[in-house]
Amino acid sequence: MERAKAVGVLDKAVLFGSTVEGPLAMDVIATLYTRDIRVPFASFVHGLGGRDIYVKEVIDMFKHLEKLASKGRSERETIYVGVKE
């Protein structure tokens, strides 16, 4: 992952009470940190309530990661995808 321009994690569950709300995202962040790898990062949560994920949504997530990579910044909050607001 040292060569990655940005890292995104797609979780299907929520871990309430943490800064990043996806359990897999928490593990990935901890791993990157302990290996001193600093890349822009985003945590996405999708599939809550059994919702399907669509190709357009995945493409949108990659576009978001491209923006983060160009700015050199990580996302501060978890991004919920496919959830009715």
Protein backbone atom coordinates (compact mmCIF):
# COMPACT_ATOMS: atom_id res chain seq x y z
CA MET A 1 0.00 0.00 0.00
CA GLU A 2 2.99 2.31 0.16
CA ARG A 3 2.53 3.14 -3.53
CA ALA A 4 -1.21 3.77 -3.31
CA LYS A 5 -2.30 7.33 -4.02
CA ALA A 6 -5.34 6.89 -1.74
CA VAL A 7 -7.01 4.06 0.18
CA GLY A 8 -10.73 3.50 0.54
CA VAL A 9 -12.47 0.86 2.61
CA LEU A 10 -16.04 -0.27 1.98
CA ASP A 11 -17.74 -1.64 5.07
CA LYS A 12 -21.18 -3.22 5.33
CA ALA A 13 -21.48 -2.66 9.06
CA VAL A 14 -21.26 0.25 11.49
CA LEU A 15 -19.13 0.50 14.61
CA PHE A 16 -20.78 3.27 16.58
CA GLY A 17 -18.77 5.45 18.91
CA SER A 18 -15.58 5.66 16.89
CA THR A 19 -14.23 8.36 14.61
CA VAL A 20 -14.35 6.02 11.63
CA GLU A 21 -17.53 3.99 11.84
CA GLY A 22 -16.62 0.91 9.77
CA PRO A 23 -14.97 -1.98 11.64
CA LEU A 24 -12.81 -2.98 8.66
CA ALA A 25 -11.81 0.66 8.16
CA MET A 26 -10.63 0.81 11.78
CA ASP A 27 -8.41 -2.23 11.20
CA VAL A 28 -6.98 -0.80 7.96
CA ILE A 29 -6.25 2.58 9.57
CA ALA A 30 -4.50 0.87 12.49
CA THR A 31 -2.43 -1.24 10.11
CA LEU A 32 -1.42 1.75 7.98
CA TYR A 33 -0.51 3.72 11.10
CA THR A 34 1.59 0.97 12.67
CA ARG A 35 3.49 0.55 9.38
CA ASP A 36 4.00 4.32 9.12
CA ILE A 37 2.14 4.49 5.80
CA ARG A 38 0.52 7.88 5.29
CA VAL A 39 -1.89 8.01 2.35
CA PRO A 40 -5.22 9.80 1.93
CA PHE A 41 -7.96 7.56 3.34
CA ALA A 42 -11.75 7.31 3.14
CA SER A 43 -14.17 5.04 4.94
CA PHE A 44 -17.37 4.13 3.08
CA VAL A 45 -20.35 2.26 4.52
CA HIS A 46 -22.84 0.63 2.19
CA GLY A 47 -25.40 -2.15 2.27
CA LEU A 48 -27.14 -1.23 5.50
CA GLY A 49 -30.54 -2.89 5.68
CA GLY A 50 -29.52 -5.34 2.96
CA ARG A 51 -29.38 -2.68 0.23
CA ASP A 52 -27.63 -3.56 -3.02
CA ILE A 53 -24.58 -1.72 -4.28
CA TYR A 54 -24.53 -0.45 -7.85
CA VAL A 55 -21.67 0.10 -10.28
CA LYS A 56 -22.34 3.86 -10.39
CA GLU A 57 -21.91 4.06 -6.61
CA VAL A 58 -18.57 2.24 -6.78
CA ILE A 59 -17.42 4.56 -9.56
CA ASP A 60 -18.45 7.56 -7.43
CA MET A 61 -16.37 6.19 -4.53
CA PHE A 62 -13.32 5.89 -6.77
CA LYS A 63 -13.86 9.44 -8.03
CA HIS A 64 -13.98 10.62 -4.42
CA LEU A 65 -10.70 8.82 -3.72
CA GLU A 66 -9.13 10.50 -6.77
CA LYS A 67 -10.11 13.90 -5.35
CA LEU A 68 -8.61 13.02 -1.97
CA ALA A 69 -5.41 11.84 -3.63
CA SER A 70 -5.08 15.08 -5.60
CA LYS A 71 -5.57 17.13 -2.42
CA GLY A 72 -3.39 14.85 -0.29
CA ARG A 73 -6.01 14.79 2.48
CA SER A 74 -8.05 12.09 4.20
CA GLU A 75 -11.78 12.18 4.77
CA ARG A 76 -12.62 13.12 8.36
CA GLU A 77 -15.97 11.31 8.54
CA THR A 78 -17.40 8.06 7.28
CA ILE A 79 -19.26 8.40 3.99
CA TYR A 80 -22.57 6.56 3.81
CA VAL A 81 -23.44 5.34 0.31
CA GLY A 82 -26.85 4.16 -0.85
CA VAL A 83 -28.63 5.31 2.28
CA LYS A 84 -31.84 7.29 2.12
CA GLU A 85 -31.45 10.64 3.83
